[in-house]
Amino acid sequence: MNETTDPNNQILLVAIIAFYWALLGSWGQTLPRSGNDKAKQDDAPTEQRTGSIDDISYTDTRLDAIREIDPTFDLAAFLTGANMAYEAILRAYADSDIPTLKRLVGPEVLDIFGRAIAGRRDRGEMLQLTFIGTKEAKVVDALAENGTAEIAVRFVSDVVSVTRSANDAFVAGDPQQIVEVIDTWTFACDTPSTKRNWMLIATEGE
């Protein structure tokens, strides 16, 4: 994922992300069966590797507040969409793609990302980000109150990140090094709305 990516491929990616995330936004609908099955297969080993029974029970209890609003809430489908949004947002941030970020993140996160992108532009720097893949994505917290539902997801992913100066010198990162990144992202939506579009409202790194 770098800034020389074919624009047509970027547009296609954004369209796919928007389609699946919109499906998740309406909680009465689910993703295609193959996507659900894959998410369930990916999710189960993660819990076995990284979470105790107490951890899983705690998460399920927190998600009960979401299920009270919508009994059809599908955790596997949600995580499928969250994974796609995670990669799309990272790509958009690296490519300085503000229009895509506006569709996927809330105002506070957009302001933070926007200032970082502006600073990079002012310094004449370019961020090249290659997303290798997500090794883990699991819900670590959830709540529903005051007309808003929030779900926090912990992502463990592998990326190659390089920042270059205007004269193509390395400022940060190593193009030959895969780095493990651990983030907890919080997604939120308005519960009174019939079309609940999940947006990224907070990020926290480890």
Protein backbone atom coordinates (compact mmCIF):
# COMPACT_ATOMS: atom_id res chain seq x y z
CA MET A 1 0.00 0.00 0.00
CA ASN A 2 1.79 3.06 -1.18
CA GLU A 3 0.86 6.29 -2.86
CA THR A 4 1.62 4.92 -6.32
CA THR A 5 -1.24 2.43 -6.12
CA ASP A 6 -3.50 2.33 -9.21
CA PRO A 7 -6.36 4.83 -8.56
CA ASN A 8 -8.86 2.45 -10.18
CA ASN A 9 -7.94 -0.26 -7.68
CA GLN A 10 -8.34 2.21 -4.81
CA ILE A 11 -11.80 3.22 -6.02
CA LEU A 12 -12.81 -0.44 -6.31
CA LEU A 13 -11.54 -1.17 -2.79
CA VAL A 14 -13.45 1.77 -1.32
CA ALA A 15 -16.62 0.67 -3.12
CA ILE A 16 -16.30 -2.86 -1.72
CA ILE A 17 -15.63 -1.58 1.80
CA ALA A 18 -18.58 0.80 1.63
CA PHE A 19 -20.87 -2.00 0.43
CA TYR A 20 -20.04 -4.45 3.22
CA TRP A 21 -19.89 -1.80 5.93
CA ALA A 22 -23.31 -0.54 4.84
CA LEU A 23 -24.67 -4.05 5.23
CA LEU A 24 -23.33 -4.14 8.76
CA GLY A 25 -24.82 -0.71 9.41
CA SER A 26 -28.29 -2.19 9.05
CA TRP A 27 -28.26 -4.77 11.83
CA GLY A 28 -31.24 -6.65 10.44
CA GLN A 29 -29.04 -7.80 7.55
CA THR A 30 -25.99 -10.07 7.47
CA LEU A 31 -22.96 -10.46 5.27
CA PRO A 32 -22.79 -13.24 2.67
CA ARG A 33 -22.53 -16.69 4.21
CA SER A 34 -18.93 -17.25 3.06
CA GLY A 35 -17.84 -14.09 4.87
CA ASN A 36 -19.62 -15.17 8.06
CA ASP A 37 -18.09 -18.62 7.93
CA LYS A 38 -14.59 -17.23 7.45
CA ALA A 39 -14.97 -14.77 10.31
CA LYS A 40 -16.23 -17.51 12.62
CA GLN A 41 -13.30 -19.75 11.68
CA ASP A 42 -10.84 -16.92 12.25
CA ASP A 43 -12.46 -15.81 15.50
CA ALA A 44 -12.66 -19.15 17.30
CA PRO A 45 -8.91 -19.97 17.24
CA THR A 46 -8.15 -16.43 18.38
CA GLU A 47 -10.22 -16.90 21.51
CA GLN A 48 -8.52 -20.22 22.18
CA ARG A 49 -5.05 -18.72 21.72
CA THR A 50 -5.40 -15.43 23.49
CA GLY A 51 -8.48 -15.39 25.68
CA SER A 52 -9.42 -17.26 28.83
CA ILE A 53 -12.96 -18.46 29.53
CA ASP A 54 -13.37 -15.48 31.84
CA ASP A 55 -12.33 -13.10 29.04
CA ILE A 56 -14.84 -14.62 26.63
CA SER A 57 -17.63 -14.54 29.23
CA TYR A 58 -16.86 -10.90 30.00
CA THR A 59 -17.04 -9.97 26.31
CA ASP A 60 -20.30 -11.87 25.83
CA THR A 61 -21.79 -10.10 28.83
CA ARG A 62 -20.81 -6.70 27.47
CA LEU A 63 -22.29 -7.57 24.07
CA ASP A 64 -25.62 -8.39 25.72
CA ALA A 65 -26.33 -4.65 25.78
CA ILE A 66 -25.97 -4.61 21.99
CA ARG A 67 -28.14 -7.70 21.57
CA GLU A 68 -30.89 -6.12 23.65
CA ILE A 69 -31.14 -3.42 21.00
CA ASP A 70 -30.94 -5.87 18.14
CA PRO A 71 -31.34 -9.63 18.87
CA THR A 72 -30.05 -10.42 15.36
CA PHE A 73 -26.62 -8.87 16.03
CA ASP A 74 -24.00 -11.15 14.44
CA LEU A 75 -20.56 -10.87 16.03
CA ALA A 76 -18.80 -12.74 13.21
CA ALA A 77 -20.36 -10.43 10.61
CA PHE A 78 -19.43 -7.37 12.64
CA LEU A 79 -15.78 -8.50 12.90
CA THR A 80 -15.69 -9.14 9.14
CA GLY A 81 -16.72 -5.54 8.53
CA ALA A 82 -14.40 -4.21 11.23
CA ASN A 83 -11.44 -6.01 9.63
CA MET A 84 -12.25 -4.55 6.24
CA ALA A 85 -12.69 -1.07 7.70
CA TYR A 86 -9.40 -1.38 9.60
CA GLU A 87 -7.42 -2.07 6.44
CA ALA A 88 -9.32 0.52 4.40
CA ILE A 89 -8.68 3.24 6.99
CA LEU A 90 -4.97 2.40 7.21
CA ARG A 91 -4.74 2.55 3.40
CA ALA A 92 -6.61 5.85 3.27
CA TYR A 93 -4.42 7.39 5.97
CA ALA A 94 -1.23 6.34 4.20
CA ASP A 95 -2.53 7.62 0.85
CA SER A 96 -3.77 10.93 2.35
CA ASP A 97 -7.25 9.99 1.13
CA ILE A 98 -9.43 12.37 3.17
CA PRO A 99 -12.70 11.64 1.27
CA THR A 100 -12.48 7.95 2.19
CA LEU A 101 -11.62 8.76 5.80
CA LYS A 102 -14.67 11.02 6.02
CA ARG A 103 -16.89 8.05 5.21
CA LEU A 104 -15.30 5.73 7.76
CA VAL A 105 -14.23 7.75 10.81
CA GLY A 106 -15.87 10.18 13.21
CA PRO A 107 -15.04 13.91 13.47
CA GLU A 108 -12.46 13.63 16.27
CA VAL A 109 -10.49 10.85 14.58
CA LEU A 110 -10.77 12.65 11.23
CA ASP A 111 -9.29 15.78 12.83
CA ILE A 112 -6.34 13.83 14.24
CA PHE A 113 -5.68 12.00 10.97
CA GLY A 114 -6.15 15.20 8.98
CA ARG A 115 -3.59 17.11 11.03
CA ALA A 116 -1.08 14.27 10.70
CA ILE A 117 -1.62 14.12 6.93
CA ALA A 118 -1.27 17.91 6.66
CA GLY A 119 1.97 17.80 8.65
CA ARG A 120 3.32 15.08 6.39
CA ARG A 121 2.38 17.14 3.33
CA ASP A 122 3.99 20.30 4.73
CA ARG A 123 7.23 18.41 5.34
CA GLY A 124 7.13 16.97 1.83
CA GLU A 125 7.05 13.43 3.20
CA MET A 126 5.35 10.34 1.82
CA LEU A 127 4.13 7.39 3.86
CA GLN A 128 4.34 3.99 2.18
CA LEU A 129 2.32 1.39 4.07
CA THR A 130 2.10 -2.24 3.02
CA PHE A 131 -0.61 -4.11 4.91
CA ILE A 132 0.49 -7.74 5.32
CA GLY A 133 -2.57 -8.99 7.20
CA THR A 134 -4.50 -9.15 10.45
CA LYS A 135 -3.47 -11.92 12.84
CA GLU A 136 -6.11 -11.22 15.46
CA ALA A 137 -9.29 -9.19 15.78
CA LYS A 138 -11.48 -9.60 18.83
CA VAL A 139 -14.01 -7.57 20.76
CA VAL A 140 -12.63 -6.38 24.10
CA ASP A 141 -15.45 -4.10 25.24
CA ALA A 142 -18.94 -2.96 24.28
CA LEU A 143 -21.67 -0.71 25.59
CA ALA A 144 -25.00 0.76 24.58
CA GLU A 145 -26.26 3.89 26.29
CA ASN A 146 -27.64 7.36 25.55
CA GLY A 147 -28.65 6.35 22.04
CA THR A 148 -25.19 5.15 21.04
CA ALA A 149 -23.69 1.68 20.70
CA GLU A 150 -19.91 1.26 20.93
CA ILE A 151 -17.74 -1.79 20.32
CA ALA A 152 -13.98 -1.83 20.94
CA VAL A 153 -11.92 -4.23 18.82
CA ARG A 154 -8.30 -5.18 19.46
CA PHE A 155 -6.37 -5.72 16.22
CA VAL A 156 -2.99 -7.40 15.90
CA SER A 157 -1.62 -6.93 12.39
CA ASP A 158 1.60 -7.05 10.40
CA VAL A 159 2.63 -4.06 8.28
CA VAL A 160 5.63 -2.62 6.52
CA SER A 161 5.76 1.13 7.09
CA VAL A 162 8.24 3.54 5.55
CA THR A 163 8.27 7.34 5.58
CA ARG A 164 10.32 9.02 2.85
CA SER A 165 11.40 12.64 2.52
CA ALA A 166 10.88 14.83 -0.55
CA ASN A 167 14.26 13.67 -1.88
CA ASP A 168 13.30 10.00 -1.31
CA ALA A 169 15.50 9.55 1.76
CA PHE A 170 14.28 7.30 4.58
CA VAL A 171 12.87 9.29 7.48
CA ALA A 172 11.40 6.39 9.44
CA GLY A 173 10.77 2.70 9.02
CA ASP A 174 12.47 -0.08 7.10
CA PRO A 175 11.13 -1.42 3.77
CA GLN A 176 12.56 -4.85 4.61
CA GLN A 177 11.06 -5.12 8.11
CA ILE A 178 7.59 -6.42 8.96
CA VAL A 179 6.33 -4.75 12.13
CA GLU A 180 3.61 -6.08 14.41
CA VAL A 181 1.08 -3.37 15.23
CA ILE A 182 -1.41 -3.68 18.09
CA ASP A 183 -4.33 -1.26 18.14
CA THR A 184 -7.65 -1.03 19.93
CA TRP A 185 -10.21 0.74 17.79
CA THR A 186 -13.66 1.76 18.99
CA PHE A 187 -16.53 1.77 16.51
CA ALA A 188 -19.85 3.47 17.24
CA CYS A 189 -23.28 3.99 15.71
CA ASP A 190 -26.51 5.76 16.61
CA THR A 191 -28.99 3.17 17.88
CA PRO A 192 -32.22 5.08 17.13
CA SER A 193 -31.38 5.16 13.42
CA THR A 194 -32.88 2.45 11.22
CA LYS A 195 -29.61 2.42 9.27
CA ARG A 196 -26.82 2.09 11.78
CA ASN A 197 -23.53 2.99 10.13
CA TRP A 198 -20.53 2.08 12.26
CA MET A 199 -17.82 4.75 12.40
CA LEU A 200 -14.36 4.70 13.98
CA ILE A 201 -14.49 7.14 16.94
CA ALA A 202 -11.31 6.33 18.90
CA THR A 203 -7.95 4.64 18.47
CA GLU A 204 -5.41 3.44 21.00
CA GLY A 205 -2.07 1.79 20.30
CA GLU A 206 -0.08 -0.60 22.48
